[in-house]
Amino acid sequence: MADWEDRFWEKVDVCGKDECWEWQASHDRWAYGHFWLDGTMQAAHRLVWELTNGPIPQGLCVLHHCDHPGCQNPSHLFLGTIADNNRDMREKGRARSGRLRGQKNGQTKLTRQEVHMIRQLYATGKHTQALLGERFGIAQRTVSHIVRRERWAWLDASPMVRSDAMR
């Protein structure tokens, strides 16, 4: 057993074989456990799968029968595609009936106007993605997705933002 495996299992509340085994350490905003391994943050439930079943085939997700993201019980985990994961969410009532875009999505930090401004400021060539990220309180990666229209792609290029707002 590798050194990290003992450290990993110390963070799991292993209880009855049919119960959820709760992750006792850091987790993300969706309650999935996270574990530092070799300098990167790993999803705990994926590590559990690999420790107990071997490598996860490329393109597959590790899903929970119990629908509890903090659960690390290997018997509660199964492999599936992204389509399987989406179907599982719908069947368990976790999927929204329609995709909420832009400001209607509770996860968004930006308004339509700010997205337009980010695109316009970046297009001037005077602002880096990192600087725009700092200015708008988002990650540089998010700015990159916005300017390449991988995020907010449905938002057209119109309404010009007032030039005084661009300073």
N, C-alpha and C. Protein backbone atom coordinates (compact mmCIF):
# COMPACT_ATOMS: atom_id res chain seq x y z
N MET A 1 0.85 -1.18 0.00
CA MET A 1 0.00 0.00 0.00
C MET A 1 0.90 1.25 0.00
N ALA A 2 0.59 2.18 -0.87
CA ALA A 2 1.36 3.43 -0.96
C ALA A 2 1.11 4.29 0.27
N ASP A 3 2.10 5.16 0.58
CA ASP A 3 1.98 6.05 1.74
C ASP A 3 0.70 6.85 1.73
N TRP A 4 0.33 7.36 0.58
CA TRP A 4 -0.84 8.24 0.48
C TRP A 4 -2.14 7.49 0.76
N GLU A 5 -2.18 6.18 0.53
CA GLU A 5 -3.42 5.42 0.74
C GLU A 5 -3.85 5.44 2.20
N ASP A 6 -2.91 5.28 3.11
CA ASP A 6 -3.25 5.35 4.55
C ASP A 6 -3.79 6.73 4.89
N ARG A 7 -3.11 7.76 4.39
CA ARG A 7 -3.54 9.14 4.63
C ARG A 7 -4.94 9.36 4.05
N PHE A 8 -5.21 8.79 2.88
CA PHE A 8 -6.51 8.92 2.25
C PHE A 8 -7.60 8.28 3.11
N TRP A 9 -7.44 7.00 3.47
CA TRP A 9 -8.48 6.28 4.20
C TRP A 9 -8.71 6.86 5.61
N GLU A 10 -7.72 7.58 6.17
CA GLU A 10 -7.92 8.25 7.45
C GLU A 10 -8.99 9.33 7.35
N LYS A 11 -9.27 9.80 6.16
CA LYS A 11 -10.24 10.88 5.92
C LYS A 11 -11.65 10.35 5.61
N VAL A 12 -11.81 9.03 5.67
CA VAL A 12 -13.10 8.42 5.37
C VAL A 12 -13.67 7.78 6.63
N ASP A 13 -14.92 8.10 6.95
CA ASP A 13 -15.60 7.49 8.08
C ASP A 13 -16.19 6.16 7.61
N VAL A 14 -15.38 5.12 7.68
CA VAL A 14 -15.81 3.79 7.24
C VAL A 14 -16.72 3.21 8.31
N CYS A 15 -17.95 2.90 7.91
CA CYS A 15 -18.91 2.32 8.86
C CYS A 15 -19.53 1.08 8.23
N GLY A 16 -20.80 0.84 8.44
CA GLY A 16 -21.45 -0.36 7.94
C GLY A 16 -21.32 -0.53 6.43
N LYS A 17 -21.31 -1.80 5.98
CA LYS A 17 -21.04 -2.06 4.55
C LYS A 17 -22.11 -1.48 3.63
N ASP A 18 -23.32 -1.26 4.11
CA ASP A 18 -24.38 -0.69 3.27
C ASP A 18 -24.60 0.80 3.51
N GLU A 19 -23.88 1.36 4.47
CA GLU A 19 -24.04 2.78 4.79
C GLU A 19 -23.13 3.64 3.92
N CYS A 20 -23.44 4.94 3.86
CA CYS A 20 -22.55 5.88 3.19
C CYS A 20 -21.33 6.11 4.08
N TRP A 21 -20.16 6.08 3.46
CA TRP A 21 -18.91 6.34 4.17
C TRP A 21 -18.54 7.79 3.90
N GLU A 22 -18.74 8.63 4.88
CA GLU A 22 -18.62 10.08 4.72
C GLU A 22 -17.17 10.54 4.62
N TRP A 23 -16.92 11.41 3.65
CA TRP A 23 -15.61 12.05 3.50
C TRP A 23 -15.48 13.09 4.60
N GLN A 24 -14.36 13.06 5.34
CA GLN A 24 -14.18 13.91 6.52
C GLN A 24 -13.23 15.08 6.30
N ALA A 25 -12.82 15.31 5.06
CA ALA A 25 -11.85 16.37 4.81
C ALA A 25 -12.43 17.39 3.83
N SER A 26 -11.58 18.07 3.10
CA SER A 26 -12.03 19.15 2.22
C SER A 26 -12.95 18.64 1.13
N HIS A 27 -13.83 19.54 0.71
CA HIS A 27 -14.78 19.18 -0.35
C HIS A 27 -15.11 20.43 -1.14
N ASP A 28 -15.70 20.24 -2.32
CA ASP A 28 -16.06 21.39 -3.14
C ASP A 28 -17.47 21.86 -2.81
N ARG A 29 -17.94 22.87 -3.55
CA ARG A 29 -19.25 23.45 -3.22
C ARG A 29 -20.41 22.49 -3.51
N TRP A 30 -20.14 21.40 -4.22
CA TRP A 30 -21.19 20.40 -4.47
C TRP A 30 -21.06 19.23 -3.51
N ALA A 31 -20.16 19.34 -2.53
CA ALA A 31 -19.95 18.36 -1.46
C ALA A 31 -19.15 17.13 -1.87
N TYR A 32 -18.49 17.17 -3.03
CA TYR A 32 -17.59 16.08 -3.42
C TYR A 32 -16.28 16.24 -2.69
N GLY A 33 -15.78 15.13 -2.10
CA GLY A 33 -14.53 15.17 -1.38
C GLY A 33 -13.35 15.39 -2.30
N HIS A 34 -12.34 16.10 -1.80
CA HIS A 34 -11.11 16.36 -2.54
C HIS A 34 -9.91 15.93 -1.72
N PHE A 35 -8.90 15.44 -2.43
CA PHE A 35 -7.69 14.92 -1.78
C PHE A 35 -6.48 15.34 -2.61
N TRP A 36 -5.48 15.91 -1.94
CA TRP A 36 -4.25 16.28 -2.62
C TRP A 36 -3.39 15.05 -2.85
N LEU A 37 -3.01 14.83 -4.10
CA LEU A 37 -2.16 13.69 -4.45
C LEU A 37 -1.19 14.14 -5.53
N ASP A 38 0.07 13.98 -5.27
CA ASP A 38 1.12 14.35 -6.23
C ASP A 38 0.96 15.78 -6.73
N GLY A 39 0.61 16.69 -5.83
CA GLY A 39 0.54 18.10 -6.17
C GLY A 39 -0.72 18.54 -6.89
N THR A 40 -1.70 17.66 -7.02
CA THR A 40 -2.96 18.05 -7.66
C THR A 40 -4.14 17.60 -6.81
N MET A 41 -5.23 18.35 -6.95
CA MET A 41 -6.45 18.02 -6.23
C MET A 41 -7.19 16.92 -7.00
N GLN A 42 -7.51 15.86 -6.32
CA GLN A 42 -8.21 14.72 -6.93
C GLN A 42 -9.58 14.56 -6.29
N ALA A 43 -10.55 14.10 -7.07
CA ALA A 43 -11.88 13.79 -6.54
C ALA A 43 -11.78 12.50 -5.73
N ALA A 44 -12.18 12.57 -4.48
CA ALA A 44 -12.03 11.43 -3.57
C ALA A 44 -12.77 10.19 -4.08
N HIS A 45 -13.99 10.35 -4.57
CA HIS A 45 -14.75 9.17 -5.00
C HIS A 45 -14.09 8.49 -6.20
N ARG A 46 -13.40 9.25 -7.04
CA ARG A 46 -12.67 8.65 -8.16
C ARG A 46 -11.46 7.86 -7.66
N LEU A 47 -10.79 8.40 -6.62
CA LEU A 47 -9.67 7.66 -6.03
C LEU A 47 -10.14 6.37 -5.37
N VAL A 48 -11.31 6.43 -4.71
CA VAL A 48 -11.86 5.22 -4.11
C VAL A 48 -12.08 4.16 -5.18
N TRP A 49 -12.64 4.58 -6.31
CA TRP A 49 -12.88 3.62 -7.39
C TRP A 49 -11.56 2.99 -7.83
N GLU A 50 -10.55 3.83 -8.05
CA GLU A 50 -9.27 3.31 -8.51
C GLU A 50 -8.59 2.41 -7.49
N LEU A 51 -8.72 2.77 -6.20
CA LEU A 51 -8.12 1.94 -5.15
C LEU A 51 -8.79 0.58 -5.04
N THR A 52 -10.08 0.53 -5.29
CA THR A 52 -10.81 -0.72 -5.07
C THR A 52 -11.11 -1.48 -6.36
N ASN A 53 -11.08 -0.81 -7.50
CA ASN A 53 -11.46 -1.47 -8.76
C ASN A 53 -10.45 -1.34 -9.88
N GLY A 54 -9.46 -0.48 -9.71
CA GLY A 54 -8.48 -0.25 -10.77
C GLY A 54 -8.79 1.02 -11.54
N PRO A 55 -8.03 1.24 -12.61
CA PRO A 55 -8.15 2.49 -13.37
C PRO A 55 -9.56 2.72 -13.94
N ILE A 56 -9.91 3.99 -14.04
CA ILE A 56 -11.18 4.38 -14.64
C ILE A 56 -10.95 4.54 -16.13
N PRO A 57 -11.68 3.80 -16.97
CA PRO A 57 -11.49 3.94 -18.41
C PRO A 57 -11.74 5.38 -18.86
N GLN A 58 -10.96 5.82 -19.83
CA GLN A 58 -11.07 7.19 -20.32
C GLN A 58 -12.50 7.49 -20.77
N GLY A 59 -12.98 8.67 -20.39
CA GLY A 59 -14.30 9.12 -20.80
C GLY A 59 -15.43 8.69 -19.88
N LEU A 60 -15.13 7.90 -18.86
CA LEU A 60 -16.18 7.47 -17.94
C LEU A 60 -16.16 8.27 -16.65
N CYS A 61 -17.31 8.37 -16.04
CA CYS A 61 -17.51 9.07 -14.78
C CYS A 61 -17.71 8.03 -13.68
N VAL A 62 -17.46 8.44 -12.45
CA VAL A 62 -17.79 7.61 -11.29
C VAL A 62 -19.04 8.21 -10.67
N LEU A 63 -20.12 7.43 -10.66
CA LEU A 63 -21.41 7.90 -10.17
C LEU A 63 -21.75 7.24 -8.83
N HIS A 64 -22.70 7.82 -8.12
CA HIS A 64 -23.13 7.32 -6.81
C HIS A 64 -24.54 6.72 -6.91
N HIS A 65 -24.69 5.44 -6.54
CA HIS A 65 -26.02 4.85 -6.41
C HIS A 65 -26.82 5.60 -5.34
N CYS A 66 -26.13 6.00 -4.27
CA CYS A 66 -26.78 6.62 -3.12
C CYS A 66 -27.09 8.10 -3.34
N ASP A 67 -26.58 8.67 -4.42
CA ASP A 67 -26.81 10.08 -4.75
C ASP A 67 -26.26 11.02 -3.68
N HIS A 68 -25.21 10.59 -2.98
CA HIS A 68 -24.59 11.40 -1.93
C HIS A 68 -23.14 11.66 -2.33
N PRO A 69 -22.81 12.89 -2.77
CA PRO A 69 -21.47 13.17 -3.27
C PRO A 69 -20.35 12.97 -2.26
N GLY A 70 -20.64 13.06 -0.98
CA GLY A 70 -19.61 12.86 0.04
C GLY A 70 -19.36 11.41 0.38
N CYS A 71 -20.12 10.50 -0.22
CA CYS A 71 -19.99 9.07 0.09
C CYS A 71 -18.77 8.47 -0.61
N GLN A 72 -18.01 7.67 0.15
CA GLN A 72 -16.82 7.01 -0.38
C GLN A 72 -16.94 5.49 -0.30
N ASN A 73 -18.14 4.97 -0.05
CA ASN A 73 -18.33 3.53 0.02
C ASN A 73 -18.21 2.96 -1.39
N PRO A 74 -17.22 2.09 -1.63
CA PRO A 74 -17.03 1.55 -2.98
C PRO A 74 -18.26 0.84 -3.53
N SER A 75 -19.06 0.25 -2.66
CA SER A 75 -20.25 -0.47 -3.14
C SER A 75 -21.35 0.49 -3.58
N HIS A 76 -21.22 1.78 -3.28
CA HIS A 76 -22.20 2.77 -3.70
C HIS A 76 -21.80 3.44 -5.02
N LEU A 77 -20.64 3.08 -5.56
CA LEU A 77 -20.11 3.73 -6.76
C LEU A 77 -20.27 2.84 -7.99
N PHE A 78 -20.46 3.47 -9.12
CA PHE A 78 -20.51 2.72 -10.39
C PHE A 78 -20.01 3.62 -11.52
N LEU A 79 -19.58 3.01 -12.59
CA LEU A 79 -19.07 3.75 -13.74
C LEU A 79 -20.20 4.04 -14.72
N GLY A 80 -20.09 5.16 -15.39
CA GLY A 80 -21.07 5.52 -16.42
C GLY A 80 -20.53 6.62 -17.31
N THR A 81 -21.19 6.82 -18.41
CA THR A 81 -20.83 7.90 -19.33
C THR A 81 -21.42 9.21 -18.82
N ILE A 82 -21.09 10.29 -19.49
CA ILE A 82 -21.70 11.59 -19.14
C ILE A 82 -23.21 11.50 -19.36
N ALA A 83 -23.62 10.82 -20.43
CA ALA A 83 -25.07 10.64 -20.68
C ALA A 83 -25.72 9.87 -19.53
N ASP A 84 -25.04 8.83 -19.03
CA ASP A 84 -25.56 8.07 -17.89
C ASP A 84 -25.68 8.97 -16.67
N ASN A 85 -24.69 9.81 -16.45
CA ASN A 85 -24.71 10.73 -15.31
C ASN A 85 -25.88 11.71 -15.44
N ASN A 86 -26.08 12.26 -16.62
CA ASN A 86 -27.20 13.18 -16.83
C ASN A 86 -28.54 12.49 -16.64
N ARG A 87 -28.68 11.28 -17.15
CA ARG A 87 -29.92 10.51 -16.97
C ARG A 87 -30.14 10.22 -15.49
N ASP A 88 -29.07 9.84 -14.78
CA ASP A 88 -29.16 9.54 -13.35
C ASP A 88 -29.62 10.79 -12.58
N MET A 89 -29.10 11.96 -12.95
CA MET A 89 -29.53 13.21 -12.29
C MET A 89 -31.01 13.47 -12.53
N ARG A 90 -31.45 13.28 -13.77
CA ARG A 90 -32.87 13.51 -14.08
C ARG A 90 -33.76 12.55 -13.31
N GLU A 91 -33.39 11.28 -13.30
CA GLU A 91 -34.20 10.26 -12.63
C GLU A 91 -34.27 10.49 -11.12
N LYS A 92 -33.23 11.07 -10.56
CA LYS A 92 -33.20 11.33 -9.12
C LYS A 92 -33.69 12.73 -8.78
N GLY A 93 -34.16 13.44 -9.78
CA GLY A 93 -34.76 14.75 -9.55
C GLY A 93 -33.79 15.88 -9.27
N ARG A 94 -32.52 15.71 -9.66
CA ARG A 94 -31.54 16.77 -9.42
C ARG A 94 -31.33 17.66 -10.63
N ALA A 95 -31.81 17.29 -11.78
CA ALA A 95 -31.61 18.09 -12.99
C ALA A 95 -32.70 19.14 -13.09
N ARG A 96 -32.31 20.30 -13.57
CA ARG A 96 -33.30 21.35 -13.80
C ARG A 96 -34.10 21.00 -15.04
N SER A 97 -35.34 21.42 -15.09
CA SER A 97 -36.19 21.11 -16.24
C SER A 97 -35.67 21.77 -17.50
N GLY A 98 -35.07 22.92 -17.38
CA GLY A 98 -34.48 23.60 -18.52
C GLY A 98 -33.17 24.22 -18.10
N ARG A 99 -32.28 24.39 -19.04
CA ARG A 99 -30.98 24.96 -18.71
C ARG A 99 -31.12 26.46 -18.48
N LEU A 100 -30.70 26.90 -17.33
CA LEU A 100 -30.76 28.32 -17.02
C LEU A 100 -29.46 28.97 -17.48
N ARG A 101 -29.60 30.00 -18.30
CA ARG A 101 -28.43 30.65 -18.85
C ARG A 101 -28.27 32.04 -18.26
N GLY A 102 -27.02 32.51 -18.33
CA GLY A 102 -26.72 33.88 -17.93
C GLY A 102 -27.10 34.17 -16.51
N GLN A 103 -27.69 35.33 -16.30
CA GLN A 103 -28.01 35.82 -14.96
C GLN A 103 -29.09 34.99 -14.28
N LYS A 104 -29.86 34.21 -15.03
CA LYS A 104 -30.90 33.37 -14.43
C LYS A 104 -30.28 32.16 -13.71
N ASN A 105 -29.04 31.83 -14.08
CA ASN A 105 -28.33 30.74 -13.44
C ASN A 105 -27.76 31.25 -12.12
N GLY A 106 -28.12 30.63 -11.02
CA GLY A 106 -27.68 31.07 -9.71
C GLY A 106 -26.19 30.97 -9.48
N GLN A 107 -25.48 30.25 -10.34
CA GLN A 107 -24.03 30.09 -10.18
C GLN A 107 -23.24 31.24 -10.81
N THR A 108 -23.87 32.02 -11.67
CA THR A 108 -23.13 33.04 -12.41
C THR A 108 -22.69 34.19 -11.53
N LYS A 109 -21.55 34.75 -11.87
CA LYS A 109 -21.03 35.91 -11.14
C LYS A 109 -21.14 37.17 -12.00
N LEU A 110 -21.50 37.02 -13.26
CA LEU A 110 -21.46 38.13 -14.20
C LEU A 110 -22.84 38.49 -14.72
N THR A 111 -22.96 39.72 -15.16
CA THR A 111 -24.16 40.17 -15.87
C THR A 111 -23.86 40.13 -17.37
N ARG A 112 -24.90 40.25 -18.18
CA ARG A 112 -24.72 40.33 -19.63
C ARG A 112 -23.77 41.48 -20.00
N GLN A 113 -23.99 42.61 -19.35
CA GLN A 113 -23.18 43.79 -19.65
C GLN A 113 -21.70 43.54 -19.34
N GLU A 114 -21.44 42.84 -18.24
CA GLU A 114 -20.05 42.55 -17.89
C GLU A 114 -19.41 41.60 -18.90
N VAL A 115 -20.18 40.63 -19.38
CA VAL A 115 -19.66 39.72 -20.40
C VAL A 115 -19.32 40.50 -21.67
N HIS A 116 -20.23 41.37 -22.10
CA HIS A 116 -19.94 42.21 -23.26
C HIS A 116 -18.67 43.03 -23.03
N MET A 117 -18.56 43.61 -21.82
CA MET A 117 -17.41 44.45 -21.51
C MET A 117 -16.12 43.63 -21.55
N ILE A 118 -16.14 42.43 -20.99
CA ILE A 118 -14.96 41.57 -21.01
C ILE A 118 -14.53 41.31 -22.45
N ARG A 119 -15.47 40.96 -23.29
CA ARG A 119 -15.14 40.68 -24.70
C ARG A 119 -14.59 41.92 -25.40
N GLN A 120 -15.20 43.06 -25.15
CA GLN A 120 -14.76 44.29 -25.80
C GLN A 120 -13.38 44.73 -25.29
N LEU A 121 -13.18 44.66 -23.99
CA LEU A 121 -11.88 45.06 -23.44
C LEU A 121 -10.77 44.13 -23.94
N TYR A 122 -11.04 42.86 -23.98
CA TYR A 122 -10.03 41.92 -24.46
C TYR A 122 -9.72 42.15 -25.93
N ALA A 123 -10.75 42.46 -26.72
CA ALA A 123 -10.57 42.70 -28.16
C ALA A 123 -9.69 43.90 -28.45
N THR A 124 -9.58 44.84 -27.51
CA THR A 124 -8.73 46.01 -27.73
C THR A 124 -7.26 45.64 -27.72
N GLY A 125 -6.93 44.49 -27.14
CA GLY A 125 -5.54 44.07 -27.04
C GLY A 125 -4.78 44.74 -25.91
N LYS A 126 -5.44 45.56 -25.13
CA LYS A 126 -4.80 46.30 -24.05
C LYS A 126 -4.94 45.62 -22.69
N HIS A 127 -5.73 44.55 -22.63
CA HIS A 127 -6.02 43.90 -21.35
C HIS A 127 -5.77 42.40 -21.47
N THR A 128 -5.03 41.85 -20.52
CA THR A 128 -4.81 40.40 -20.51
C THR A 128 -6.00 39.70 -19.88
N GLN A 129 -6.11 38.42 -20.12
CA GLN A 129 -7.19 37.64 -19.50
C GLN A 129 -7.03 37.63 -17.98
N ALA A 130 -5.80 37.56 -17.52
CA ALA A 130 -5.56 37.55 -16.06
C ALA A 130 -6.03 38.86 -15.43
N LEU A 131 -5.70 39.98 -16.07
CA LEU A 131 -6.12 41.28 -15.55
C LEU A 131 -7.64 41.41 -15.54
N LEU A 132 -8.29 40.95 -16.62
CA LEU A 132 -9.75 41.00 -16.68
C LEU A 132 -10.36 40.09 -15.62
N GLY A 133 -9.75 38.94 -15.40
CA GLY A 133 -10.23 38.06 -14.34
C GLY A 133 -10.20 38.73 -12.99
N GLU A 134 -9.08 39.39 -12.68
CA GLU A 134 -8.98 40.12 -11.42
C GLU A 134 -10.03 41.21 -11.32
N ARG A 135 -10.18 41.96 -12.40
CA ARG A 135 -11.11 43.10 -12.40
C ARG A 135 -12.55 42.67 -12.17
N PHE A 136 -12.93 41.52 -12.75
CA PHE A 136 -14.32 41.07 -12.65
C PHE A 136 -14.53 39.98 -11.60
N GLY A 137 -13.47 39.62 -10.87
CA GLY A 137 -13.59 38.64 -9.80
C GLY A 137 -13.84 37.22 -10.27
N ILE A 138 -13.25 36.89 -11.42
CA ILE A 138 -13.39 35.53 -11.97
C ILE A 138 -12.01 35.00 -12.33
N ALA A 139 -11.92 33.73 -12.60
CA ALA A 139 -10.63 33.12 -12.96
C ALA A 139 -10.25 33.48 -14.40
N GLN A 140 -8.96 33.52 -14.65
CA GLN A 140 -8.46 33.78 -16.00
C GLN A 140 -9.05 32.76 -16.97
N ARG A 141 -9.16 31.52 -16.53
CA ARG A 141 -9.72 30.45 -17.37
C ARG A 141 -11.15 30.78 -17.80
N THR A 142 -11.91 31.38 -16.89
CA THR A 142 -13.29 31.76 -17.22
C THR A 142 -13.29 32.87 -18.26
N VAL A 143 -12.38 33.83 -18.12
CA VAL A 143 -12.26 34.89 -19.13
C VAL A 143 -11.95 34.26 -20.48
N SER A 144 -11.04 33.32 -20.51
CA SER A 144 -10.69 32.64 -21.76
C SER A 144 -11.91 31.99 -22.40
N HIS A 145 -12.72 31.30 -21.59
CA HIS A 145 -13.94 30.66 -22.10
C HIS A 145 -14.91 31.69 -22.65
N ILE A 146 -14.99 32.84 -21.99
CA ILE A 146 -15.91 33.90 -22.43
C ILE A 146 -15.46 34.49 -23.76
N VAL A 147 -14.18 34.86 -23.87
CA VAL A 147 -13.73 35.51 -25.10
C VAL A 147 -13.71 34.54 -26.28
N ARG A 148 -13.57 33.25 -26.03
CA ARG A 148 -13.63 32.26 -27.11
C ARG A 148 -15.06 31.76 -27.34
N ARG A 149 -16.00 32.35 -26.61
CA ARG A 149 -17.42 32.02 -26.73
C ARG A 149 -17.72 30.55 -26.38
N GLU A 150 -16.97 30.01 -25.47
CA GLU A 150 -17.27 28.69 -24.93
C GLU A 150 -18.21 28.82 -23.74
N ARG A 151 -18.27 30.00 -23.16
CA ARG A 151 -19.23 30.36 -22.12
C ARG A 151 -19.97 31.59 -22.62
N TRP A 152 -21.22 31.69 -22.29
CA TRP A 152 -22.06 32.79 -22.73
C TRP A 152 -22.07 32.86 -24.26
N ALA A 153 -21.92 31.73 -24.92
CA ALA A 153 -21.85 31.70 -26.38
C ALA A 153 -23.14 32.19 -27.02
N TRP A 154 -24.24 31.98 -26.35
CA TRP A 154 -25.56 32.37 -26.87
C TRP A 154 -25.75 33.89 -26.87
N LEU A 155 -24.91 34.59 -26.12
CA LEU A 155 -25.04 36.04 -26.00
C LEU A 155 -24.41 36.69 -27.23
N ASP A 156 -25.21 37.42 -28.00
CA ASP A 156 -24.69 38.02 -29.23
C ASP A 156 -23.67 39.10 -28.94
N ALA A 157 -23.02 39.53 -29.99
CA ALA A 157 -21.93 40.50 -29.84
C ALA A 157 -22.42 41.93 -29.71
N SER A 158 -23.74 42.17 -29.86
CA SER A 158 -24.23 43.54 -29.76
C SER A 158 -24.16 44.09 -28.37
N PRO A 159 -25.00 44.87 -27.92
CA PRO A 159 -24.92 46.11 -27.17
C PRO A 159 -23.49 46.51 -26.81
N MET A 160 -23.10 47.59 -27.36
CA MET A 160 -21.81 48.19 -27.04
C MET A 160 -21.89 48.76 -25.63
N VAL A 161 -20.83 48.56 -24.91
CA VAL A 161 -20.73 49.11 -23.57
C VAL A 161 -20.22 50.54 -23.71
N ARG A 162 -20.73 51.45 -22.90
CA ARG A 162 -20.27 52.83 -22.96
C ARG A 162 -18.76 52.91 -22.83
N SER A 163 -18.15 53.75 -23.64
CA SER A 163 -16.69 53.84 -23.65
C SER A 163 -16.11 54.27 -22.31
N ASP A 164 -16.84 55.08 -21.53
CA ASP A 164 -16.30 55.49 -20.23
C ASP A 164 -16.24 54.31 -19.26
N ALA A 165 -17.08 53.29 -19.47
CA ALA A 165 -17.05 52.09 -18.62
C ALA A 165 -15.85 51.22 -18.94
N MET A 166 -15.26 51.44 -20.12
CA MET A 166 -14.15 50.59 -20.55
C MET A 166 -12.81 51.09 -20.02
N ARG A 167 -12.78 52.20 -19.37
CA ARG A 167 -11.50 52.74 -18.86
C ARG A 167 -11.08 52.05 -17.60
